[in-house]
Amino acid sequence: MKYQIFYEKEALKELNKLETSISRRIIKKIDEMSRNSSSCDIKKLKASNDYRLRVGDYRILFLFDKDSIKILKIGHRQQIYN
């Protein structure tokens, strides 16, 4: 099953601020996750209903829905959880 991807404005802003090579890796990983989520490093966050996807030193916070994924935040691992 392929999930439809939606981005929050904040997530798109952060993605556009990153170096091109990093943003390409992140977009590629999000696309991979939308096709086959079981092959990615996904963990549910303890304090919320959010999930996180790891791409090197960067994290993608998102929500799963029935047939969609909503990207909430994208950022470096030291700053994403603040």
PDB file of N, CA and C in Angstrom:
ATOM      1  N   MET A   1       0.840  -1.186   0.000  1.00  0.00           N
ATOM      2  CA  MET A   1       0.000   0.000   0.000  1.00  0.00           C
ATOM      3  C   MET A   1       0.880   1.242   0.000  1.00  0.00           C
ATOM      4  N   LYS A   2       0.567   2.176  -0.865  1.00  0.00           N
ATOM      5  CA  LYS A   2       1.315   3.425  -0.915  1.00  0.00           C
ATOM      6  C   LYS A   2       0.532   4.507  -0.180  1.00  0.00           C
ATOM      7  N   TYR A   3       1.207   5.146   0.767  1.00  0.00           N
ATOM      8  CA  TYR A   3       0.600   6.229   1.531  1.00  0.00           C
ATOM      9  C   TYR A   3       0.741   7.537   0.766  1.00  0.00           C
ATOM     10  N   GLN A   4      -0.242   8.405   0.911  1.00  0.00           N
ATOM     11  CA  GLN A   4      -0.162   9.742   0.359  1.00  0.00           C
ATOM     12  C   GLN A   4       0.579  10.607   1.380  1.00  0.00           C
ATOM     13  N   ILE A   5       1.462  11.483   0.909  1.00  0.00           N
ATOM     14  CA  ILE A   5       2.293  12.306   1.793  1.00  0.00           C
ATOM     15  C   ILE A   5       1.775  13.744   1.806  1.00  0.00           C
ATOM     16  N   PHE A   6       1.637  14.306   3.016  1.00  0.00           N
ATOM     17  CA  PHE A   6       1.281  15.706   3.203  1.00  0.00           C
ATOM     18  C   PHE A   6       2.341  16.345   4.096  1.00  0.00           C
ATOM     19  N   TYR A   7       2.698  17.600   3.798  1.00  0.00           N
ATOM     20  CA  TYR A   7       3.712  18.320   4.569  1.00  0.00           C
ATOM     21  C   TYR A   7       3.088  19.518   5.278  1.00  0.00           C
ATOM     22  N   GLU A   8       3.446  19.709   6.541  1.00  0.00           N
ATOM     23  CA  GLU A   8       3.122  20.944   7.249  1.00  0.00           C
ATOM     24  C   GLU A   8       4.030  22.046   6.700  1.00  0.00           C
ATOM     25  N   LYS A   9       3.594  23.302   6.793  1.00  0.00           N
ATOM     26  CA  LYS A   9       4.404  24.426   6.304  1.00  0.00           C
ATOM     27  C   LYS A   9       5.773  24.460   6.976  1.00  0.00           C
ATOM     28  N   GLU A  10       5.786  24.232   8.285  1.00  0.00           N
ATOM     29  CA  GLU A  10       7.046  24.270   9.044  1.00  0.00           C
ATOM     30  C   GLU A  10       8.030  23.220   8.518  1.00  0.00           C
ATOM     31  N   ALA A  11       7.529  22.047   8.197  1.00  0.00           N
ATOM     32  CA  ALA A  11       8.390  20.974   7.688  1.00  0.00           C
ATOM     33  C   ALA A  11       8.987  21.362   6.338  1.00  0.00           C
ATOM     34  N   LEU A  12       8.187  21.961   5.468  1.00  0.00           N
ATOM     35  CA  LEU A  12       8.693  22.393   4.161  1.00  0.00           C
ATOM     36  C   LEU A  12       9.739  23.491   4.303  1.00  0.00           C
ATOM     37  N   LYS A  13       9.523  24.424   5.244  1.00  0.00           N
ATOM     38  CA  LYS A  13      10.505  25.486   5.489  1.00  0.00           C
ATOM     39  C   LYS A  13      11.844  24.895   5.913  1.00  0.00           C
ATOM     40  N   GLU A  14      11.789  23.956   6.859  1.00  0.00           N
ATOM     41  CA  GLU A  14      13.019  23.334   7.347  1.00  0.00           C
ATOM     42  C   GLU A  14      13.713  22.544   6.241  1.00  0.00           C
ATOM     43  N   LEU A  15      12.946  21.845   5.431  1.00  0.00           N
ATOM     44  CA  LEU A  15      13.513  21.069   4.332  1.00  0.00           C
ATOM     45  C   LEU A  15      14.223  21.977   3.335  1.00  0.00           C
ATOM     46  N   ASN A  16      13.640  23.134   3.040  1.00  0.00           N
ATOM     47  CA  ASN A  16      14.241  24.077   2.092  1.00  0.00           C
ATOM     48  C   ASN A  16      15.501  24.738   2.636  1.00  0.00           C
ATOM     49  N   LYS A  17      15.658  24.805   3.956  1.00  0.00           N
ATOM     50  CA  LYS A  17      16.847  25.406   4.569  1.00  0.00           C
ATOM     51  C   LYS A  17      18.067  24.487   4.513  1.00  0.00           C
ATOM     52  N   LEU A  18      17.834  23.194   4.356  1.00  0.00           N
ATOM     53  CA  LEU A  18      18.926  22.216   4.399  1.00  0.00           C
ATOM     54  C   LEU A  18      19.737  22.221   3.110  1.00  0.00           C
ATOM     55  N   GLU A  19      20.960  21.687   3.209  1.00  0.00           N
ATOM     56  CA  GLU A  19      21.785  21.512   2.017  1.00  0.00           C
ATOM     57  C   GLU A  19      21.049  20.604   1.041  1.00  0.00           C
ATOM     58  N   THR A  20      21.279  20.818  -0.243  1.00  0.00           N
ATOM     59  CA  THR A  20      20.582  20.053  -1.278  1.00  0.00           C
ATOM     60  C   THR A  20      20.788  18.558  -1.126  1.00  0.00           C
ATOM     61  N   SER A  21      22.009  18.132  -0.829  1.00  0.00           N
ATOM     62  CA  SER A  21      22.280  16.693  -0.715  1.00  0.00           C
ATOM     63  C   SER A  21      21.506  16.065   0.444  1.00  0.00           C
ATOM     64  N   ILE A  22      21.390  16.784   1.543  1.00  0.00           N
ATOM     65  CA  ILE A  22      20.658  16.274   2.707  1.00  0.00           C
ATOM     66  C   ILE A  22      19.161  16.243   2.412  1.00  0.00           C
ATOM     67  N   SER A  23      18.638  17.313   1.825  1.00  0.00           N
ATOM     68  CA  SER A  23      17.202  17.343   1.533  1.00  0.00           C
ATOM     69  C   SER A  23      16.823  16.259   0.527  1.00  0.00           C
ATOM     70  N   ARG A  24      17.697  15.962  -0.424  1.00  0.00           N
ATOM     71  CA  ARG A  24      17.427  14.872  -1.375  1.00  0.00           C
ATOM     72  C   ARG A  24      17.362  13.525  -0.667  1.00  0.00           C
ATOM     73  N   ARG A  25      18.285  13.289   0.272  1.00  0.00           N
ATOM     74  CA  ARG A  25      18.265  12.031   1.038  1.00  0.00           C
ATOM     75  C   ARG A  25      16.980  11.902   1.842  1.00  0.00           C
ATOM     76  N   ILE A  26      16.549  13.010   2.436  1.00  0.00           N
ATOM     77  CA  ILE A  26      15.333  13.004   3.244  1.00  0.00           C
ATOM     78  C   ILE A  26      14.109  12.730   2.367  1.00  0.00           C
ATOM     79  N   ILE A  27      14.012  13.404   1.232  1.00  0.00           N
ATOM     80  CA  ILE A  27      12.881  13.195   0.323  1.00  0.00           C
ATOM     81  C   ILE A  27      12.857  11.761  -0.184  1.00  0.00           C
ATOM     82  N   LYS A  28      14.029  11.227  -0.507  1.00  0.00           N
ATOM     83  CA  LYS A  28      14.118   9.840  -0.975  1.00  0.00           C
ATOM     84  C   LYS A  28      13.628   8.874   0.107  1.00  0.00           C
ATOM     85  N   LYS A  29      14.014   9.121   1.363  1.00  0.00           N
ATOM     86  CA  LYS A  29      13.617   8.249   2.470  1.00  0.00           C
ATOM     87  C   LYS A  29      12.115   8.363   2.743  1.00  0.00           C
ATOM     88  N   ILE A  30      11.565   9.566   2.644  1.00  0.00           N
ATOM     89  CA  ILE A  30      10.120   9.742   2.826  1.00  0.00           C
ATOM     90  C   ILE A  30       9.359   8.993   1.736  1.00  0.00           C
ATOM     91  N   ASP A  31       9.850   9.078   0.502  1.00  0.00           N
ATOM     92  CA  ASP A  31       9.216   8.355  -0.599  1.00  0.00           C
ATOM     93  C   ASP A  31       9.285   6.844  -0.371  1.00  0.00           C
ATOM     94  N   GLU A  32      10.446   6.376   0.083  1.00  0.00           N
ATOM     95  CA  GLU A  32      10.607   4.949   0.394  1.00  0.00           C
ATOM     96  C   GLU A  32       9.629   4.522   1.494  1.00  0.00           C
ATOM     97  N   MET A  33       9.497   5.367   2.518  1.00  0.00           N
ATOM     98  CA  MET A  33       8.584   5.068   3.618  1.00  0.00           C
ATOM     99  C   MET A  33       7.134   5.017   3.129  1.00  0.00           C
ATOM    100  N   SER A  34       6.782   5.874   2.182  1.00  0.00           N
ATOM    101  CA  SER A  34       5.401   5.892   1.685  1.00  0.00           C
ATOM    102  C   SER A  34       5.056   4.617   0.921  1.00  0.00           C
ATOM    103  N   ARG A  35       6.074   3.963   0.357  1.00  0.00           N
ATOM    104  CA  ARG A  35       5.852   2.720  -0.386  1.00  0.00           C
ATOM    105  C   ARG A  35       5.955   1.483   0.490  1.00  0.00           C
ATOM    106  N   ASN A  36       6.895   1.513   1.472  1.00  0.00           N
ATOM    107  CA  ASN A  36       7.136   0.332   2.298  1.00  0.00           C
ATOM    108  C   ASN A  36       7.647   0.776   3.668  1.00  0.00           C
ATOM    109  N   SER A  37       6.747   1.082   4.556  1.00  0.00           N
ATOM    110  CA  SER A  37       7.136   1.632   5.860  1.00  0.00           C
ATOM    111  C   SER A  37       7.887   0.634   6.731  1.00  0.00           C
ATOM    112  N   SER A  38       7.717  -0.642   6.496  1.00  0.00           N
ATOM    113  CA  SER A  38       8.390  -1.641   7.339  1.00  0.00           C
ATOM    114  C   SER A  38       9.890  -1.724   7.076  1.00  0.00           C
ATOM    115  N   SER A  39      10.357  -1.171   5.962  1.00  0.00           N
ATOM    116  CA  SER A  39      11.783  -1.232   5.648  1.00  0.00           C
ATOM    117  C   SER A  39      12.568  -0.052   6.211  1.00  0.00           C
ATOM    118  N   CYS A  40      11.903   0.884   6.866  1.00  0.00           N
ATOM    119  CA  CYS A  40      12.558   2.095   7.368  1.00  0.00           C
ATOM    120  C   CYS A  40      12.744   2.034   8.880  1.00  0.00           C
ATOM    121  N   ASP A  41      13.641   2.892   9.372  1.00  0.00           N
ATOM    122  CA  ASP A  41      13.915   2.990  10.809  1.00  0.00           C
ATOM    123  C   ASP A  41      12.887   3.925  11.448  1.00  0.00           C
ATOM    124  N   ILE A  42      11.699   3.398  11.709  1.00  0.00           N
ATOM    125  CA  ILE A  42      10.594   4.178  12.264  1.00  0.00           C
ATOM    126  C   ILE A  42      10.362   3.755  13.708  1.00  0.00           C
ATOM    127  N   LYS A  43      10.180   4.758  14.571  1.00  0.00           N
ATOM    128  CA  LYS A  43       9.843   4.478  15.969  1.00  0.00           C
ATOM    129  C   LYS A  43       8.724   5.405  16.405  1.00  0.00           C
ATOM    130  N   LYS A  44       7.842   4.899  17.242  1.00  0.00           N
ATOM    131  CA  LYS A  44       6.782   5.717  17.822  1.00  0.00           C
ATOM    132  C   LYS A  44       7.360   6.469  19.013  1.00  0.00           C
ATOM    133  N   LEU A  45       7.057   7.749  19.108  1.00  0.00           N
ATOM    134  CA  LEU A  45       7.527   8.545  20.234  1.00  0.00           C
ATOM    135  C   LEU A  45       6.671   8.240  21.456  1.00  0.00           C
ATOM    136  N   LYS A  46       7.305   8.190  22.604  1.00  0.00           N
ATOM    137  CA  LYS A  46       6.620   7.781  23.836  1.00  0.00           C
ATOM    138  C   LYS A  46       5.587   8.790  24.323  1.00  0.00           C
ATOM    139  N   ALA A  47       5.892  10.057  24.226  1.00  0.00           N
ATOM    140  CA  ALA A  47       5.040  11.075  24.839  1.00  0.00           C
ATOM    141  C   ALA A  47       3.918  11.583  23.930  1.00  0.00           C
ATOM    142  N   SER A  48       3.788  11.035  22.726  1.00  0.00           N
ATOM    143  CA  SER A  48       2.761  11.537  21.806  1.00  0.00           C
ATOM    144  C   SER A  48       2.352  10.448  20.820  1.00  0.00           C
ATOM    145  N   ASN A  49       1.503  10.814  19.890  1.00  0.00           N
ATOM    146  CA  ASN A  49       1.090   9.889  18.833  1.00  0.00           C
ATOM    147  C   ASN A  49       1.983   9.994  17.605  1.00  0.00           C
ATOM    148  N   ASP A  50       3.019  10.815  17.686  1.00  0.00           N
ATOM    149  CA  ASP A  50       3.925  11.026  16.561  1.00  0.00           C
ATOM    150  C   ASP A  50       4.886   9.856  16.399  1.00  0.00           C
ATOM    151  N   TYR A  51       5.412   9.761  15.191  1.00  0.00           N
ATOM    152  CA  TYR A  51       6.454   8.790  14.872  1.00  0.00           C
ATOM    153  C   TYR A  51       7.666   9.556  14.390  1.00  0.00           C
ATOM    154  N   ARG A  52       8.816   8.882  14.382  1.00  0.00           N
ATOM    155  CA  ARG A  52      10.008   9.524  13.843  1.00  0.00           C
ATOM    156  C   ARG A  52      10.694   8.579  12.874  1.00  0.00           C
ATOM    157  N   LEU A  53      11.260   9.181  11.840  1.00  0.00           N
ATOM    158  CA  LEU A  53      12.051   8.478  10.841  1.00  0.00           C
ATOM    159  C   LEU A  53      13.453   9.052  10.912  1.00  0.00           C
ATOM    160  N   ARG A  54      14.445   8.190  10.955  1.00  0.00           N
ATOM    161  CA  ARG A  54      15.838   8.624  11.069  1.00  0.00           C
ATOM    162  C   ARG A  54      16.499   8.597   9.697  1.00  0.00           C
ATOM    163  N   VAL A  55      17.169   9.704   9.359  1.00  0.00           N
ATOM    164  CA  VAL A  55      17.958   9.801   8.133  1.00  0.00           C
ATOM    165  C   VAL A  55      19.293  10.411   8.535  1.00  0.00           C
ATOM    166  N   GLY A  56      20.274   9.573   8.853  1.00  0.00           N
ATOM    167  CA  GLY A  56      21.558  10.060   9.343  1.00  0.00           C
ATOM    168  C   GLY A  56      21.370  10.816  10.645  1.00  0.00           C
ATOM    169  N   ASP A  57      21.854  12.067  10.697  1.00  0.00           N
ATOM    170  CA  ASP A  57      21.710  12.905  11.888  1.00  0.00           C
ATOM    171  C   ASP A  57      20.406  13.697  11.891  1.00  0.00           C
ATOM    172  N   TYR A  58      19.558  13.474  10.911  1.00  0.00           N
ATOM    173  CA  TYR A  58      18.303  14.212  10.797  1.00  0.00           C
ATOM    174  C   TYR A  58      17.117  13.326  11.147  1.00  0.00           C
ATOM    175  N   ARG A  59      16.062  13.967  11.657  1.00  0.00           N
ATOM    176  CA  ARG A  59      14.862  13.254  12.055  1.00  0.00           C
ATOM    177  C   ARG A  59      13.657  13.881  11.367  1.00  0.00           C
ATOM    178  N   ILE A  60      12.705  13.034  11.037  1.00  0.00           N
ATOM    179  CA  ILE A  60      11.450  13.459  10.444  1.00  0.00           C
ATOM    180  C   ILE A  60      10.349  13.024  11.405  1.00  0.00           C
ATOM    181  N   LEU A  61       9.581  13.970  11.910  1.00  0.00           N
ATOM    182  CA  LEU A  61       8.465  13.651  12.796  1.00  0.00           C
ATOM    183  C   LEU A  61       7.188  13.661  11.965  1.00  0.00           C
ATOM    184  N   PHE A  62       6.359  12.636  12.149  1.00  0.00           N
ATOM    185  CA  PHE A  62       5.173  12.511  11.306  1.00  0.00           C
ATOM    186  C   PHE A  62       4.070  11.752  12.022  1.00  0.00           C
ATOM    187  N   LEU A  63       2.891  11.800  11.426  1.00  0.00           N
ATOM    188  CA  LEU A  63       1.722  11.060  11.897  1.00  0.00           C
ATOM    189  C   LEU A  63       1.281  10.089  10.811  1.00  0.00           C
ATOM    190  N   PHE A  64       0.916   8.888  11.217  1.00  0.00           N
ATOM    191  CA  PHE A  64       0.310   7.915  10.307  1.00  0.00           C
ATOM    192  C   PHE A  64      -1.199   8.094  10.353  1.00  0.00           C
ATOM    193  N   ASP A  65      -1.837   8.027   9.218  1.00  0.00           N
ATOM    194  CA  ASP A  65      -3.284   7.961   9.141  1.00  0.00           C
ATOM    195  C   ASP A  65      -3.619   6.698   8.354  1.00  0.00           C
ATOM    196  N   LYS A  66      -4.881   6.465   8.109  1.00  0.00           N
ATOM    197  CA  LYS A  66      -5.286   5.250   7.407  1.00  0.00           C
ATOM    198  C   LYS A  66      -4.556   5.071   6.074  1.00  0.00           C
ATOM    199  N   ASP A  67      -4.551   6.131   5.265  1.00  0.00           N
ATOM    200  CA  ASP A  67      -3.936   6.040   3.946  1.00  0.00           C
ATOM    201  C   ASP A  67      -3.010   7.211   3.644  1.00  0.00           C
ATOM    202  N   SER A  68      -2.570   7.914   4.688  1.00  0.00           N
ATOM    203  CA  SER A  68      -1.690   9.060   4.474  1.00  0.00           C
ATOM    204  C   SER A  68      -0.664   9.188   5.598  1.00  0.00           C
ATOM    205  N   ILE A  69       0.377   9.948   5.281  1.00  0.00           N
ATOM    206  CA  ILE A  69       1.418  10.292   6.248  1.00  0.00           C
ATOM    207  C   ILE A  69       1.522  11.811   6.249  1.00  0.00           C
ATOM    208  N   LYS A  70       1.458  12.405   7.428  1.00  0.00           N
ATOM    209  CA  LYS A  70       1.564  13.858   7.555  1.00  0.00           C
ATOM    210  C   LYS A  70       2.908  14.192   8.180  1.00  0.00           C
ATOM    211  N   ILE A  71       3.781  14.845   7.410  1.00  0.00           N
ATOM    212  CA  ILE A  71       5.107  15.236   7.880  1.00  0.00           C
ATOM    213  C   ILE A  71       4.954  16.512   8.707  1.00  0.00           C
ATOM    214  N   LEU A  72       5.317  16.427   9.983  1.00  0.00           N
ATOM    215  CA  LEU A  72       5.138  17.549  10.905  1.00  0.00           C
ATOM    216  C   LEU A  72       6.373  18.432  11.003  1.00  0.00           C
ATOM    217  N   LYS A  73       7.535  17.813  11.205  1.00  0.00           N
ATOM    218  CA  LYS A  73       8.786  18.555  11.402  1.00  0.00           C
ATOM    219  C   LYS A  73       9.936  17.785  10.784  1.00  0.00           C
ATOM    220  N   ILE A  74      10.933  18.525  10.332  1.00  0.00           N
ATOM    221  CA  ILE A  74      12.173  17.950   9.818  1.00  0.00           C
ATOM    222  C   ILE A  74      13.299  18.762  10.435  1.00  0.00           C
ATOM    223  N   GLY A  75      14.303  18.087  10.995  1.00  0.00           N
ATOM    224  CA  GLY A  75      15.408  18.828  11.577  1.00  0.00           C
ATOM    225  C   GLY A  75      16.519  17.941  12.092  1.00  0.00           C
ATOM    226  N   HIS A  76      17.582  18.588  12.538  1.00  0.00           N
ATOM    227  CA  HIS A  76      18.732  17.883  13.101  1.00  0.00           C
ATOM    228  C   HIS A  76      18.323  17.229  14.411  1.00  0.00           C
ATOM    229  N   ARG A  77      18.910  16.101  14.720  1.00  0.00           N
ATOM    230  CA  ARG A  77      18.517  15.319  15.901  1.00  0.00           C
ATOM    231  C   ARG A  77      18.692  16.078  17.210  1.00  0.00           C
ATOM    232  N   GLN A  78      19.612  17.042  17.259  1.00  0.00           N
ATOM    233  CA  GLN A  78      19.832  17.805  18.493  1.00  0.00           C
ATOM    234  C   GLN A  78      18.757  18.865  18.723  1.00  0.00           C
ATOM    235  N   GLN A  79      18.030  19.238  17.678  1.00  0.00           N
ATOM    236  CA  GLN A  79      17.071  20.337  17.804  1.00  0.00           C
ATOM    237  C   GLN A  79      15.621  19.932  17.556  1.00  0.00           C
ATOM    238  N   ILE A  80      15.383  18.788  16.981  1.00  0.00           N
ATOM    239  CA  ILE A  80      14.039  18.420  16.527  1.00  0.00           C
ATOM    240  C   ILE A  80      13.057  18.207  17.671  1.00  0.00           C
ATOM    241  N   TYR A  81      13.523  17.732  18.813  1.00  0.00           N
ATOM    242  CA  TYR A  81      12.613  17.381  19.902  1.00  0.00           C
ATOM    243  C   TYR A  81      12.321  18.538  20.849  1.00  0.00           C
ATOM    244  N   ASN A  82      12.894  19.710  20.595  1.00  0.00           N
ATOM    245  CA  ASN A  82      12.673  20.885  21.462  1.00  0.00           C
ATOM    246  C   ASN A  82      11.343  21.531  21.183  1.00  0.00           C
TER     247      ASN A  82
END
